[in-house]
Protein backbone atom coordinates (compact mmCIF):
# COMPACT_ATOMS: atom_id res chain seq x y z
CA MET A 1 24.21 -0.31 -7.74
CA SER A 2 26.03 -3.35 -5.73
CA ARG A 3 24.82 -7.06 -6.46
CA ASN A 4 24.28 -8.09 -3.47
CA GLU A 5 21.63 -5.43 -2.44
CA ASN A 6 18.05 -6.36 -1.85
CA LEU A 7 15.56 -4.82 -4.65
CA MET A 8 12.66 -6.55 -2.69
CA SER A 9 12.21 -6.75 1.18
CA GLU A 10 12.23 -10.13 2.43
CA ASN A 11 8.38 -10.23 3.41
CA LEU A 12 7.73 -9.87 0.03
CA LYS A 13 9.86 -12.17 -1.23
CA THR A 14 8.37 -14.51 1.38
CA GLU A 15 4.68 -13.70 0.59
CA ILE A 16 5.39 -14.12 -3.35
CA ALA A 17 7.32 -17.27 -3.05
CA LYS A 18 4.15 -18.50 -0.22
CA GLU A 19 1.92 -17.66 -3.10
CA LEU A 20 3.68 -19.32 -5.95
CA GLY A 21 4.16 -22.43 -4.05
CA VAL A 22 8.29 -21.77 -4.14
CA TYR A 23 8.54 -20.87 -0.42
CA ASP A 24 8.79 -24.48 0.89
CA ILE A 25 12.10 -24.95 -0.97
CA VAL A 26 13.46 -22.15 0.76
CA LYS A 27 12.00 -23.03 3.98
CA ARG A 28 13.95 -26.86 3.36
CA ASP A 29 17.08 -25.65 2.39
CA GLY A 30 17.34 -22.29 4.44
CA GLY A 31 17.67 -20.02 1.79
CA TRP A 32 16.74 -19.00 -1.28
CA GLY A 33 20.02 -20.53 -3.12
CA ASN A 34 18.24 -23.91 -4.85
CA VAL A 35 15.04 -21.85 -5.90
CA SER A 36 14.99 -21.69 -9.77
CA ALA A 37 15.83 -19.28 -12.14
CA LYS A 38 12.46 -19.85 -13.67
CA GLN A 39 10.86 -19.63 -10.29
CA CYS A 40 12.94 -16.61 -9.75
CA GLY A 41 11.64 -15.52 -12.87
CA SER A 42 8.36 -15.83 -11.69
CA MET A 43 8.24 -14.24 -8.45
CA VAL A 44 9.48 -11.05 -10.51
CA ALA A 45 7.06 -11.16 -13.07
CA LYS A 46 4.89 -11.04 -9.55
CA ALA A 47 6.25 -8.21 -7.87
CA ILE A 48 6.24 -6.01 -11.27
CA GLU A 49 2.41 -7.14 -11.12
CA ILE A 50 1.91 -5.95 -7.82
CA ALA A 51 4.16 -3.09 -7.87
CA ASN A 52 1.69 -2.30 -11.25
CA ARG A 53 -1.48 -2.74 -9.26
CA ASN A 54 -0.36 0.05 -6.40
CA VAL A 55 0.41 2.70 -8.75
CA GLN A 56 -2.82 2.39 -10.60
CA SER A 57 -4.14 2.89 -7.66
């Protein structure tokens, strides 16, 4: 799998970033480059939580 391949859609990333209060950084800086590793980890954890909820439904 290529390193640049997106595993999450932009819409999902944006939705999660807004929910976690990270989207202001993305919007201010024009991209995801200045989002910290810790914040990215929180976003991944939230995406996994959402996926698990969808599987269990």
